[in-house]
PDB file of all heavy atoms in Angstrom:
ATOM      1  N   VAL A   1       0.861  -1.177   0.000  1.00  0.00           N
ATOM      2  CA  VAL A   1       0.000   0.000   0.000  1.00  0.00           C
ATOM      3  C   VAL A   1       0.901   1.232   0.000  1.00  0.00           C
ATOM      4  O   VAL A   1       1.936   1.238   0.663  1.00  0.00           O
ATOM      5  CB  VAL A   1      -0.914   0.022   1.247  1.00  0.00           C
ATOM      6  CG1 VAL A   1      -1.743   1.290   1.281  1.00  0.00           C
ATOM      7  CG2 VAL A   1      -1.814  -1.197   1.274  1.00  0.00           C
ATOM      8  N   TYR A   2       0.482   2.249  -0.763  1.00  0.00           N
ATOM      9  CA  TYR A   2       1.276   3.470  -0.864  1.00  0.00           C
ATOM     10  C   TYR A   2       0.401   4.698  -0.630  1.00  0.00           C
ATOM     11  O   TYR A   2      -0.780   4.726  -0.974  1.00  0.00           O
ATOM     12  CB  TYR A   2       1.894   3.593  -2.257  1.00  0.00           C
ATOM     13  CG  TYR A   2       2.884   2.506  -2.591  1.00  0.00           C
ATOM     14  CD1 TYR A   2       2.488   1.354  -3.255  1.00  0.00           C
ATOM     15  CD2 TYR A   2       4.226   2.639  -2.238  1.00  0.00           C
ATOM     16  CE1 TYR A   2       3.399   0.354  -3.565  1.00  0.00           C
ATOM     17  CE2 TYR A   2       5.148   1.649  -2.546  1.00  0.00           C
ATOM     18  CZ  TYR A   2       4.724   0.512  -3.203  1.00  0.00           C
ATOM     19  OH  TYR A   2       5.633  -0.477  -3.505  1.00  0.00           O
ATOM     20  N   ALA A   3       1.019   5.720  -0.066  1.00  0.00           N
ATOM     21  CA  ALA A   3       0.361   7.013  -0.004  1.00  0.00           C
ATOM     22  C   ALA A   3       0.276   7.581  -1.412  1.00  0.00           C
ATOM     23  O   ALA A   3       1.164   7.333  -2.249  1.00  0.00           O
ATOM     24  CB  ALA A   3       1.150   7.965   0.894  1.00  0.00           C
ATOM     25  N   ASP A   4      -0.771   8.335  -1.684  1.00  0.00           N
ATOM     26  CA  ASP A   4      -0.941   8.901  -3.019  1.00  0.00           C
ATOM     27  C   ASP A   4       0.251   9.758  -3.433  1.00  0.00           C
ATOM     28  O   ASP A   4       0.622   9.801  -4.606  1.00  0.00           O
ATOM     29  CB  ASP A   4      -2.212   9.740  -3.066  1.00  0.00           C
ATOM     30  CG  ASP A   4      -3.471   8.887  -3.031  1.00  0.00           C
ATOM     31  OD1 ASP A   4      -3.389   7.672  -3.289  1.00  0.00           O
ATOM     32  OD2 ASP A   4      -4.544   9.445  -2.746  1.00  0.00           O
ATOM     33  N   SER A   5       0.866  10.418  -2.471  1.00  0.00           N
ATOM     34  CA  SER A   5       1.959  11.344  -2.773  1.00  0.00           C
ATOM     35  C   SER A   5       3.219  10.651  -3.267  1.00  0.00           C
ATOM     36  O   SER A   5       4.103  11.302  -3.839  1.00  0.00           O
ATOM     37  CB  SER A   5       2.294  12.173  -1.527  1.00  0.00           C
ATOM     38  OG  SER A   5       2.668  11.328  -0.452  1.00  0.00           O
ATOM     39  N   VAL A   6       3.318   9.330  -3.065  1.00  0.00           N
ATOM     40  CA  VAL A   6       4.542   8.623  -3.470  1.00  0.00           C
ATOM     41  C   VAL A   6       4.277   7.535  -4.507  1.00  0.00           C
ATOM     42  O   VAL A   6       5.230   6.908  -4.999  1.00  0.00           O
ATOM     43  CB  VAL A   6       5.272   8.004  -2.256  1.00  0.00           C
ATOM     44  CG1 VAL A   6       5.545   9.060  -1.202  1.00  0.00           C
ATOM     45  CG2 VAL A   6       4.505   6.834  -1.676  1.00  0.00           C
ATOM     46  N   LYS A   7       3.034   7.296  -4.852  1.00  0.00           N
ATOM     47  CA  LYS A   7       2.703   6.261  -5.833  1.00  0.00           C
ATOM     48  C   LYS A   7       3.420   6.521  -7.148  1.00  0.00           C
ATOM     49  O   LYS A   7       3.439   7.642  -7.648  1.00  0.00           O
ATOM     50  CB  LYS A   7       1.194   6.220  -6.072  1.00  0.00           C
ATOM     51  CG  LYS A   7       0.418   5.451  -5.034  1.00  0.00           C
ATOM     52  CD  LYS A   7      -1.067   5.424  -5.361  1.00  0.00           C
ATOM     53  CE  LYS A   7      -1.851   4.701  -4.292  1.00  0.00           C
ATOM     54  NZ  LYS A   7      -3.317   4.745  -4.560  1.00  0.00           N
ATOM     55  N   GLY A   8       3.999   5.462  -7.695  1.00  0.00           N
ATOM     56  CA  GLY A   8       4.708   5.579  -8.960  1.00  0.00           C
ATOM     57  C   GLY A   8       6.145   6.029  -8.808  1.00  0.00           C
ATOM     58  O   GLY A   8       6.918   5.969  -9.777  1.00  0.00           O
ATOM     59  N   ARG A   9       6.527   6.482  -7.606  1.00  0.00           N
ATOM     60  CA  ARG A   9       7.907   6.927  -7.378  1.00  0.00           C
ATOM     61  C   ARG A   9       8.634   6.053  -6.361  1.00  0.00           C
ATOM     62  O   ARG A   9       9.837   5.838  -6.486  1.00  0.00           O
ATOM     63  CB  ARG A   9       7.913   8.376  -6.876  1.00  0.00           C
ATOM     64  CG  ARG A   9       7.296   9.370  -7.843  1.00  0.00           C
ATOM     65  CD  ARG A   9       7.515  10.807  -7.385  1.00  0.00           C
ATOM     66  NE  ARG A   9       6.904  11.075  -6.085  1.00  0.00           N
ATOM     67  CZ  ARG A   9       7.579  11.518  -5.021  1.00  0.00           C
ATOM     68  NH1 ARG A   9       8.878  11.710  -5.090  1.00  0.00           N
ATOM     69  NH2 ARG A   9       6.941  11.763  -3.875  1.00  0.00           N
ATOM     70  N   PHE A  10       7.905   5.578  -5.355  1.00  0.00           N
ATOM     71  CA  PHE A  10       8.496   4.761  -4.294  1.00  0.00           C
ATOM     72  C   PHE A  10       8.056   3.315  -4.443  1.00  0.00           C
ATOM     73  O   PHE A  10       6.926   3.039  -4.854  1.00  0.00           O
ATOM     74  CB  PHE A  10       8.058   5.259  -2.921  1.00  0.00           C
ATOM     75  CG  PHE A  10       8.612   6.592  -2.503  1.00  0.00           C
ATOM     76  CD1 PHE A  10       9.263   7.431  -3.400  1.00  0.00           C
ATOM     77  CD2 PHE A  10       8.465   7.028  -1.195  1.00  0.00           C
ATOM     78  CE1 PHE A  10       9.771   8.656  -3.008  1.00  0.00           C
ATOM     79  CE2 PHE A  10       8.965   8.251  -0.776  1.00  0.00           C
ATOM     80  CZ  PHE A  10       9.610   9.066  -1.700  1.00  0.00           C
ATOM     81  N   THR A  11       8.948   2.399  -4.073  1.00  0.00           N
ATOM     82  CA  THR A  11       8.634   0.972  -4.094  1.00  0.00           C
ATOM     83  C   THR A  11       9.100   0.335  -2.796  1.00  0.00           C
ATOM     84  O   THR A  11      10.271   0.478  -2.422  1.00  0.00           O
ATOM     85  CB  THR A  11       9.313   0.274  -5.271  1.00  0.00           C
ATOM     86  OG1 THR A  11       8.905   0.885  -6.499  1.00  0.00           O
ATOM     87  CG2 THR A  11       8.941  -1.209  -5.302  1.00  0.00           C
ATOM     88  N   ILE A  12       8.182  -0.352  -2.133  1.00  0.00           N
ATOM     89  CA  ILE A  12       8.535  -1.062  -0.906  1.00  0.00           C
ATOM     90  C   ILE A  12       8.695  -2.541  -1.224  1.00  0.00           C
ATOM     91  O   ILE A  12       7.942  -3.101  -2.037  1.00  0.00           O
ATOM     92  CB  ILE A  12       7.466  -0.834   0.191  1.00  0.00           C
ATOM     93  CG1 ILE A  12       7.950  -1.383   1.541  1.00  0.00           C
ATOM     94  CG2 ILE A  12       6.119  -1.415  -0.209  1.00  0.00           C
ATOM     95  CD1 ILE A  12       7.047  -0.997   2.713  1.00  0.00           C
ATOM     96  N   SER A  13       9.680  -3.174  -0.591  1.00  0.00           N
ATOM     97  CA  SER A  13       9.904  -4.602  -0.787  1.00  0.00           C
ATOM     98  C   SER A  13      10.507  -5.173   0.489  1.00  0.00           C
ATOM     99  O   SER A  13      10.909  -4.417   1.380  1.00  0.00           O
ATOM    100  CB  SER A  13      10.835  -4.844  -1.983  1.00  0.00           C
ATOM    101  OG  SER A  13      12.107  -4.248  -1.757  1.00  0.00           O
ATOM    102  N   ARG A  14      10.557  -6.499   0.563  1.00  0.00           N
ATOM    103  CA  ARG A  14      11.121  -7.101   1.761  1.00  0.00           C
ATOM    104  C   ARG A  14      11.848  -8.384   1.412  1.00  0.00           C
ATOM    105  O   ARG A  14      11.511  -9.073   0.441  1.00  0.00           O
ATOM    106  CB  ARG A  14      10.046  -7.352   2.819  1.00  0.00           C
ATOM    107  CG  ARG A  14       9.017  -8.401   2.494  1.00  0.00           C
ATOM    108  CD  ARG A  14       7.881  -8.382   3.528  1.00  0.00           C
ATOM    109  NE  ARG A  14       8.348  -8.760   4.857  1.00  0.00           N
ATOM    110  CZ  ARG A  14       7.659  -8.511   5.987  1.00  0.00           C
ATOM    111  NH1 ARG A  14       6.496  -7.893   5.917  1.00  0.00           N
ATOM    112  NH2 ARG A  14       8.138  -8.888   7.161  1.00  0.00           N
ATOM    113  N   ASP A  15      12.836  -8.710   2.238  1.00  0.00           N
ATOM    114  CA  ASP A  15      13.575  -9.954   2.142  1.00  0.00           C
ATOM    115  C   ASP A  15      13.537 -10.571   3.535  1.00  0.00           C
ATOM    116  O   ASP A  15      14.335 -10.190   4.411  1.00  0.00           O
ATOM    117  CB  ASP A  15      15.014  -9.683   1.687  1.00  0.00           C
ATOM    118  CG  ASP A  15      15.817 -10.942   1.475  1.00  0.00           C
ATOM    119  OD1 ASP A  15      15.418 -12.001   2.011  1.00  0.00           O
ATOM    120  OD2 ASP A  15      16.841 -10.886   0.799  1.00  0.00           O
ATOM    121  N   ASN A  16      12.612 -11.492   3.744  1.00  0.00           N
ATOM    122  CA  ASN A  16      12.440 -12.060   5.084  1.00  0.00           C
ATOM    123  C   ASN A  16      13.664 -12.857   5.527  1.00  0.00           C
ATOM    124  O   ASN A  16      13.935 -12.953   6.726  1.00  0.00           O
ATOM    125  CB  ASN A  16      11.180 -12.912   5.149  1.00  0.00           C
ATOM    126  CG  ASN A  16       9.915 -12.066   5.163  1.00  0.00           C
ATOM    127  OD1 ASN A  16       9.965 -10.851   5.421  1.00  0.00           O
ATOM    128  ND2 ASN A  16       8.782 -12.667   4.874  1.00  0.00           N
ATOM    129  N   ALA A  17      14.375 -13.421   4.592  1.00  0.00           N
ATOM    130  CA  ALA A  17      15.587 -14.176   4.949  1.00  0.00           C
ATOM    131  C   ALA A  17      16.644 -13.259   5.561  1.00  0.00           C
ATOM    132  O   ALA A  17      17.471 -13.705   6.369  1.00  0.00           O
ATOM    133  CB  ALA A  17      16.147 -14.880   3.727  1.00  0.00           C
ATOM    134  N   LYS A  18      16.597 -11.993   5.186  1.00  0.00           N
ATOM    135  CA  LYS A  18      17.542 -11.014   5.720  1.00  0.00           C
ATOM    136  C   LYS A  18      16.904 -10.107   6.767  1.00  0.00           C
ATOM    137  O   LYS A  18      17.547  -9.162   7.223  1.00  0.00           O
ATOM    138  CB  LYS A  18      18.113 -10.161   4.583  1.00  0.00           C
ATOM    139  CG  LYS A  18      18.947 -10.933   3.581  1.00  0.00           C
ATOM    140  CD  LYS A  18      19.517 -10.012   2.509  1.00  0.00           C
ATOM    141  CE  LYS A  18      20.398 -10.785   1.530  1.00  0.00           C
ATOM    142  NZ  LYS A  18      20.953  -9.901   0.470  1.00  0.00           N
ATOM    143  N   SER A  19      15.645 -10.376   7.090  1.00  0.00           N
ATOM    144  CA  SER A  19      14.916  -9.555   8.069  1.00  0.00           C
ATOM    145  C   SER A  19      14.998  -8.077   7.715  1.00  0.00           C
ATOM    146  O   SER A  19      15.189  -7.209   8.581  1.00  0.00           O
ATOM    147  CB  SER A  19      15.470  -9.769   9.491  1.00  0.00           C
ATOM    148  OG  SER A  19      15.278 -11.101   9.907  1.00  0.00           O
ATOM    149  N   THR A  20      14.815  -7.793   6.444  1.00  0.00           N
ATOM    150  CA  THR A  20      15.017  -6.427   5.951  1.00  0.00           C
ATOM    151  C   THR A  20      13.860  -6.013   5.041  1.00  0.00           C
ATOM    152  O   THR A  20      13.384  -6.800   4.227  1.00  0.00           O
ATOM    153  CB  THR A  20      16.337  -6.314   5.174  1.00  0.00           C
ATOM    154  OG1 THR A  20      17.415  -6.701   6.020  1.00  0.00           O
ATOM    155  CG2 THR A  20      16.565  -4.883   4.700  1.00  0.00           C
ATOM    156  N   VAL A  21      13.443  -4.772   5.219  1.00  0.00           N
ATOM    157  CA  VAL A  21      12.478  -4.144   4.326  1.00  0.00           C
ATOM    158  C   VAL A  21      13.163  -2.945   3.688  1.00  0.00           C
ATOM    159  O   VAL A  21      13.914  -2.220   4.341  1.00  0.00           O
ATOM    160  CB  VAL A  21      11.215  -3.705   5.087  1.00  0.00           C
ATOM    161  CG1 VAL A  21      10.332  -2.824   4.217  1.00  0.00           C
ATOM    162  CG2 VAL A  21      10.439  -4.918   5.574  1.00  0.00           C
ATOM    163  N   TYR A  22      12.884  -2.752   2.413  1.00  0.00           N
ATOM    164  CA  TYR A  22      13.509  -1.668   1.656  1.00  0.00           C
ATOM    165  C   TYR A  22      12.449  -0.671   1.190  1.00  0.00           C
ATOM    166  O   TYR A  22      11.291  -1.024   0.969  1.00  0.00           O
ATOM    167  CB  TYR A  22      14.217  -2.227   0.425  1.00  0.00           C
ATOM    168  CG  TYR A  22      15.243  -3.281   0.740  1.00  0.00           C
ATOM    169  CD1 TYR A  22      14.925  -4.637   0.617  1.00  0.00           C
ATOM    170  CD2 TYR A  22      16.524  -2.946   1.153  1.00  0.00           C
ATOM    171  CE1 TYR A  22      15.852  -5.622   0.906  1.00  0.00           C
ATOM    172  CE2 TYR A  22      17.465  -3.916   1.442  1.00  0.00           C
ATOM    173  CZ  TYR A  22      17.128  -5.260   1.317  1.00  0.00           C
ATOM    174  OH  TYR A  22      18.049  -6.223   1.610  1.00  0.00           O
ATOM    175  N   LEU A  23      12.891   0.555   1.024  1.00  0.00           N
ATOM    176  CA  LEU A  23      12.058   1.573   0.394  1.00  0.00           C
ATOM    177  C   LEU A  23      12.907   2.237  -0.682  1.00  0.00           C
ATOM    178  O   LEU A  23      13.818   3.018  -0.370  1.00  0.00           O
ATOM    179  CB  LEU A  23      11.555   2.601   1.402  1.00  0.00           C
ATOM    180  CG  LEU A  23      10.586   3.629   0.833  1.00  0.00           C
ATOM    181  CD1 LEU A  23       9.260   2.956   0.444  1.00  0.00           C
ATOM    182  CD2 LEU A  23      10.326   4.770   1.816  1.00  0.00           C
ATOM    183  N   GLN A  24      12.642   1.886  -1.928  1.00  0.00           N
ATOM    184  CA  GLN A  24      13.322   2.504  -3.052  1.00  0.00           C
ATOM    185  C   GLN A  24      12.594   3.785  -3.406  1.00  0.00           C
ATOM    186  O   GLN A  24      11.401   3.753  -3.715  1.00  0.00           O
ATOM    187  CB  GLN A  24      13.353   1.557  -4.249  1.00  0.00           C
ATOM    188  CG  GLN A  24      14.006   2.139  -5.487  1.00  0.00           C
ATOM    189  CD  GLN A  24      15.496   2.379  -5.303  1.00  0.00           C
ATOM    190  OE1 GLN A  24      16.205   1.544  -4.755  1.00  0.00           O
ATOM    191  NE2 GLN A  24      15.975   3.529  -5.764  1.00  0.00           N
ATOM    192  N   MET A  25      13.307   4.889  -3.360  1.00  0.00           N
ATOM    193  CA  MET A  25      12.687   6.191  -3.605  1.00  0.00           C
ATOM    194  C   MET A  25      13.321   6.817  -4.843  1.00  0.00           C
ATOM    195  O   MET A  25      14.525   7.103  -4.845  1.00  0.00           O
ATOM    196  CB  MET A  25      12.884   7.107  -2.389  1.00  0.00           C
ATOM    197  CG  MET A  25      12.386   6.487  -1.087  1.00  0.00           C
ATOM    198  SD  MET A  25      12.458   7.632   0.305  1.00  0.00           S
ATOM    199  CE  MET A  25      14.223   7.898   0.416  1.00  0.00           C
ATOM    200  N   ASN A  26      12.527   6.987  -5.877  1.00  0.00           N
ATOM    201  CA  ASN A  26      12.989   7.580  -7.130  1.00  0.00           C
ATOM    202  C   ASN A  26      12.283   8.913  -7.367  1.00  0.00           C
ATOM    203  O   ASN A  26      11.267   9.212  -6.735  1.00  0.00           O
ATOM    204  CB  ASN A  26      12.711   6.633  -8.295  1.00  0.00           C
ATOM    205  CG  ASN A  26      13.434   5.307  -8.162  1.00  0.00           C
ATOM    206  OD1 ASN A  26      14.531   5.231  -7.602  1.00  0.00           O
ATOM    207  ND2 ASN A  26      12.816   4.254  -8.677  1.00  0.00           N
ATOM    208  N   SER A  27      12.834   9.695  -8.278  1.00  0.00           N
ATOM    209  CA  SER A  27      12.236  10.990  -8.634  1.00  0.00           C
ATOM    210  C   SER A  27      11.921  11.801  -7.392  1.00  0.00           C
ATOM    211  O   SER A  27      10.824  12.348  -7.236  1.00  0.00           O
ATOM    212  CB  SER A  27      10.968  10.771  -9.467  1.00  0.00           C
ATOM    213  OG  SER A  27      11.238  10.027 -10.638  1.00  0.00           O
ATOM    214  N   LEU A  28      12.881  11.895  -6.515  1.00  0.00           N
ATOM    215  CA  LEU A  28      12.657  12.578  -5.240  1.00  0.00           C
ATOM    216  C   LEU A  28      12.401  14.057  -5.424  1.00  0.00           C
ATOM    217  O   LEU A  28      12.942  14.698  -6.343  1.00  0.00           O
ATOM    218  CB  LEU A  28      13.849  12.362  -4.310  1.00  0.00           C
ATOM    219  CG  LEU A  28      13.885  10.971  -3.656  1.00  0.00           C
ATOM    220  CD1 LEU A  28      15.282  10.646  -3.140  1.00  0.00           C
ATOM    221  CD2 LEU A  28      12.871  10.902  -2.530  1.00  0.00           C
ATOM    222  N   LYS A  29      11.554  14.589  -4.572  1.00  0.00           N
ATOM    223  CA  LYS A  29      11.161  15.998  -4.608  1.00  0.00           C
ATOM    224  C   LYS A  29      11.535  16.650  -3.271  1.00  0.00           C
ATOM    225  O   LYS A  29      11.630  15.949  -2.248  1.00  0.00           O
ATOM    226  CB  LYS A  29       9.653  16.107  -4.813  1.00  0.00           C
ATOM    227  CG  LYS A  29       9.111  15.390  -6.026  1.00  0.00           C
ATOM    228  CD  LYS A  29       7.582  15.464  -6.065  1.00  0.00           C
ATOM    229  CE  LYS A  29       7.026  14.724  -7.270  1.00  0.00           C
ATOM    230  NZ  LYS A  29       5.542  14.778  -7.310  1.00  0.00           N
ATOM    231  N   PRO A  30      11.704  17.952  -3.263  1.00  0.00           N
ATOM    232  CA  PRO A  30      12.014  18.628  -1.988  1.00  0.00           C
ATOM    233  C   PRO A  30      10.979  18.336  -0.900  1.00  0.00           C
ATOM    234  O   PRO A  30      11.328  18.248   0.278  1.00  0.00           O
ATOM    235  CB  PRO A  30      12.028  20.108  -2.389  1.00  0.00           C
ATOM    236  CG  PRO A  30      12.461  20.097  -3.817  1.00  0.00           C
ATOM    237  CD  PRO A  30      11.815  18.865  -4.406  1.00  0.00           C
ATOM    238  N   GLU A  31       9.734  18.156  -1.291  1.00  0.00           N
ATOM    239  CA  GLU A  31       8.689  17.873  -0.306  1.00  0.00           C
ATOM    240  C   GLU A  31       8.781  16.468   0.282  1.00  0.00           C
ATOM    241  O   GLU A  31       8.039  16.136   1.206  1.00  0.00           O
ATOM    242  CB  GLU A  31       7.290  18.086  -0.901  1.00  0.00           C
ATOM    243  CG  GLU A  31       7.050  17.394  -2.227  1.00  0.00           C
ATOM    244  CD  GLU A  31       7.266  18.310  -3.414  1.00  0.00           C
ATOM    245  OE1 GLU A  31       8.276  19.057  -3.422  1.00  0.00           O
ATOM    246  OE2 GLU A  31       6.434  18.257  -4.357  1.00  0.00           O
ATOM    247  N   ASP A  32       9.703  15.642  -0.222  1.00  0.00           N
ATOM    248  CA  ASP A  32       9.954  14.328   0.387  1.00  0.00           C
ATOM    249  C   ASP A  32      10.921  14.430   1.569  1.00  0.00           C
ATOM    250  O   ASP A  32      11.158  13.445   2.267  1.00  0.00           O
ATOM    251  CB  ASP A  32      10.532  13.359  -0.646  1.00  0.00           C
ATOM    252  CG  ASP A  32       9.552  13.020  -1.748  1.00  0.00           C
ATOM    253  OD1 ASP A  32       8.361  12.813  -1.450  1.00  0.00           O
ATOM    254  OD2 ASP A  32       9.991  12.964  -2.920  1.00  0.00           O
ATOM    255  N   THR A  33      11.478  15.614   1.781  1.00  0.00           N
ATOM    256  CA  THR A  33      12.398  15.809   2.894  1.00  0.00           C
ATOM    257  C   THR A  33      11.699  15.542   4.221  1.00  0.00           C
ATOM    258  O   THR A  33      10.651  16.117   4.511  1.00  0.00           O
ATOM    259  CB  THR A  33      12.953  17.250   2.878  1.00  0.00           C
ATOM    260  OG1 THR A  33      13.751  17.427   1.704  1.00  0.00           O
ATOM    261  CG2 THR A  33      13.798  17.522   4.114  1.00  0.00           C
ATOM    262  N   ALA A  34      12.283  14.641   5.009  1.00  0.00           N
ATOM    263  CA  ALA A  34      11.673  14.246   6.279  1.00  0.00           C
ATOM    264  C   ALA A  34      12.579  13.233   6.962  1.00  0.00           C
ATOM    265  O   ALA A  34      13.529  12.724   6.361  1.00  0.00           O
ATOM    266  CB  ALA A  34      10.291  13.623   6.047  1.00  0.00           C
ATOM    267  N   VAL A  35      12.245  12.937   8.206  1.00  0.00           N
ATOM    268  CA  VAL A  35      12.825  11.777   8.873  1.00  0.00           C
ATOM    269  C   VAL A  35      11.917  10.590   8.553  1.00  0.00           C
ATOM    270  O   VAL A  35      10.697  10.675   8.738  1.00  0.00           O
ATOM    271  CB  VAL A  35      12.926  11.972  10.392  1.00  0.00           C
ATOM    272  CG1 VAL A  35      13.477  10.713  11.053  1.00  0.00           C
ATOM    273  CG2 VAL A  35      13.812  13.179  10.709  1.00  0.00           C
ATOM    274  N   TYR A  36      12.513   9.526   8.066  1.00  0.00           N
ATOM    275  CA  TYR A  36      11.758   8.340   7.660  1.00  0.00           C
ATOM    276  C   TYR A  36      11.916   7.258   8.726  1.00  0.00           C
ATOM    277  O   TYR A  36      13.042   6.944   9.150  1.00  0.00           O
ATOM    278  CB  TYR A  36      12.249   7.838   6.311  1.00  0.00           C
ATOM    279  CG  TYR A  36      11.742   8.663   5.157  1.00  0.00           C
ATOM    280  CD1 TYR A  36      12.206   9.956   4.949  1.00  0.00           C
ATOM    281  CD2 TYR A  36      10.776   8.172   4.282  1.00  0.00           C
ATOM    282  CE1 TYR A  36      11.731  10.736   3.910  1.00  0.00           C
ATOM    283  CE2 TYR A  36      10.294   8.935   3.234  1.00  0.00           C
ATOM    284  CZ  TYR A  36      10.771  10.218   3.058  1.00  0.00           C
ATOM    285  OH  TYR A  36      10.292  10.986   2.036  1.00  0.00           O
ATOM    286  N   TYR A  37      10.786   6.693   9.133  1.00  0.00           N
ATOM    287  CA  TYR A  37      10.741   5.659  10.155  1.00  0.00           C
ATOM    288  C   TYR A  37      10.147   4.378   9.583  1.00  0.00           C
ATOM    289  O   TYR A  37       9.185   4.427   8.817  1.00  0.00           O
ATOM    290  CB  TYR A  37       9.866   6.093  11.330  1.00  0.00           C
ATOM    291  CG  TYR A  37      10.285   7.355  12.019  1.00  0.00           C
ATOM    292  CD1 TYR A  37       9.811   8.594  11.588  1.00  0.00           C
ATOM    293  CD2 TYR A  37      11.147   7.321  13.106  1.00  0.00           C
ATOM    294  CE1 TYR A  37      10.191   9.767  12.226  1.00  0.00           C
ATOM    295  CE2 TYR A  37      11.533   8.488  13.748  1.00  0.00           C
ATOM    296  CZ  TYR A  37      11.053   9.700  13.303  1.00  0.00           C
ATOM    297  OH  TYR A  37      11.426  10.850  13.944  1.00  0.00           O
ATOM    298  N   CYS A  38      10.689   3.244  10.004  1.00  0.00           N
ATOM    299  CA  CYS A  38      10.010   1.990   9.721  1.00  0.00           C
ATOM    300  C   CYS A  38       9.372   1.499  11.021  1.00  0.00           C
ATOM    301  O   CYS A  38       9.819   1.846  12.121  1.00  0.00           O
ATOM    302  CB  CYS A  38      10.949   0.932   9.148  1.00  0.00           C
ATOM    303  SG  CYS A  38      12.235   0.336  10.251  1.00  0.00           S
ATOM    304  N   ALA A  39       8.326   0.713  10.863  1.00  0.00           N
ATOM    305  CA  ALA A  39       7.579   0.231  12.019  1.00  0.00           C
ATOM    306  C   ALA A  39       6.965  -1.122  11.695  1.00  0.00           C
ATOM    307  O   ALA A  39       6.702  -1.432  10.527  1.00  0.00           O
ATOM    308  CB  ALA A  39       6.485   1.233  12.389  1.00  0.00           C
ATOM    309  N   ALA A  40       6.735  -1.919  12.728  1.00  0.00           N
ATOM    310  CA  ALA A  40       6.223  -3.279  12.554  1.00  0.00           C
ATOM    311  C   ALA A  40       4.852  -3.436  13.189  1.00  0.00           C
ATOM    312  O   ALA A  40       4.603  -2.966  14.305  1.00  0.00           O
ATOM    313  CB  ALA A  40       7.197  -4.282  13.171  1.00  0.00           C
ATOM    314  N   ASP A  41       3.976  -4.119  12.451  1.00  0.00           N
ATOM    315  CA  ASP A  41       2.610  -4.419  12.882  1.00  0.00           C
ATOM    316  C   ASP A  41       2.500  -5.924  13.055  1.00  0.00           C
ATOM    317  O   ASP A  41       2.557  -6.654  12.064  1.00  0.00           O
ATOM    318  CB  ASP A  41       1.632  -3.901  11.819  1.00  0.00           C
ATOM    319  CG  ASP A  41       0.199  -4.338  12.041  1.00  0.00           C
ATOM    320  OD1 ASP A  41      -0.088  -4.981  13.080  1.00  0.00           O
ATOM    321  OD2 ASP A  41      -0.647  -4.050  11.190  1.00  0.00           O
ATOM    322  N   PHE A  42       2.339  -6.387  14.304  1.00  0.00           N
ATOM    323  CA  PHE A  42       2.334  -7.820  14.585  1.00  0.00           C
ATOM    324  C   PHE A  42       0.932  -8.400  14.721  1.00  0.00           C
ATOM    325  O   PHE A  42       0.780  -9.500  15.271  1.00  0.00           O
ATOM    326  CB  PHE A  42       3.141  -8.108  15.857  1.00  0.00           C
ATOM    327  CG  PHE A  42       4.614  -8.081  15.618  1.00  0.00           C
ATOM    328  CD1 PHE A  42       5.352  -6.939  15.880  1.00  0.00           C
ATOM    329  CD2 PHE A  42       5.270  -9.189  15.121  1.00  0.00           C
ATOM    330  CE1 PHE A  42       6.711  -6.896  15.656  1.00  0.00           C
ATOM    331  CE2 PHE A  42       6.637  -9.158  14.892  1.00  0.00           C
ATOM    332  CZ  PHE A  42       7.350  -8.017  15.165  1.00  0.00           C
ATOM    333  N   ARG A  43      -0.073  -7.728  14.248  1.00  0.00           N
ATOM    334  CA  ARG A  43      -1.402  -8.340  14.274  1.00  0.00           C
ATOM    335  C   ARG A  43      -1.390  -9.593  13.408  1.00  0.00           C
ATOM    336  O   ARG A  43      -0.776  -9.618  12.349  1.00  0.00           O
ATOM    337  CB  ARG A  43      -2.448  -7.354  13.769  1.00  0.00           C
ATOM    338  CG  ARG A  43      -2.713  -6.207  14.728  1.00  0.00           C
ATOM    339  CD  ARG A  43      -3.713  -5.239  14.142  1.00  0.00           C
ATOM    340  NE  ARG A  43      -3.216  -4.685  12.892  1.00  0.00           N
ATOM    341  CZ  ARG A  43      -3.999  -4.228  11.928  1.00  0.00           C
ATOM    342  NH1 ARG A  43      -5.314  -4.271  12.068  1.00  0.00           N
ATOM    343  NH2 ARG A  43      -3.478  -3.718  10.814  1.00  0.00           N
ATOM    344  N   PRO A  44      -2.077 -10.656  13.883  1.00  0.00           N
ATOM    345  CA  PRO A  44      -2.002 -11.956  13.193  1.00  0.00           C
ATOM    346  C   PRO A  44      -2.828 -12.014  11.912  1.00  0.00           C
ATOM    347  O   PRO A  44      -3.871 -12.628  11.846  1.00  0.00           O
ATOM    348  CB  PRO A  44      -2.544 -12.931  14.247  1.00  0.00           C
ATOM    349  CG  PRO A  44      -3.475 -12.106  15.052  1.00  0.00           C
ATOM    350  CD  PRO A  44      -2.846 -10.736  15.124  1.00  0.00           C
ATOM    351  N   ARG A  45      -2.355 -11.319  10.890  1.00  0.00           N
ATOM    352  CA  ARG A  45      -3.055 -11.316   9.618  1.00  0.00           C
ATOM    353  C   ARG A  45      -2.054 -11.058   8.496  1.00  0.00           C
ATOM    354  O   ARG A  45      -1.076 -10.355   8.677  1.00  0.00           O
ATOM    355  CB  ARG A  45      -4.147 -10.229   9.612  1.00  0.00           C
ATOM    356  CG  ARG A  45      -3.586  -8.845   9.893  1.00  0.00           C
ATOM    357  CD  ARG A  45      -4.729  -7.830  10.120  1.00  0.00           C
ATOM    358  NE  ARG A  45      -5.448  -7.565   8.893  1.00  0.00           N
ATOM    359  CZ  ARG A  45      -5.103  -6.621   8.028  1.00  0.00           C
ATOM    360  NH1 ARG A  45      -4.024  -5.898   8.242  1.00  0.00           N
ATOM    361  NH2 ARG A  45      -5.818  -6.427   6.940  1.00  0.00           N
TER     362      ARG A  45
END
């Protein structure tokens, strides 16, 4: 799922074997400036 503001520019992916999630950010804009946080949701679904 993506926010409308990043659709078509950002891609999220994961490698469970490496316990890693990636966020590929292309065509960056000044309004993308921010502190970026990752977070985990452990609900059983």
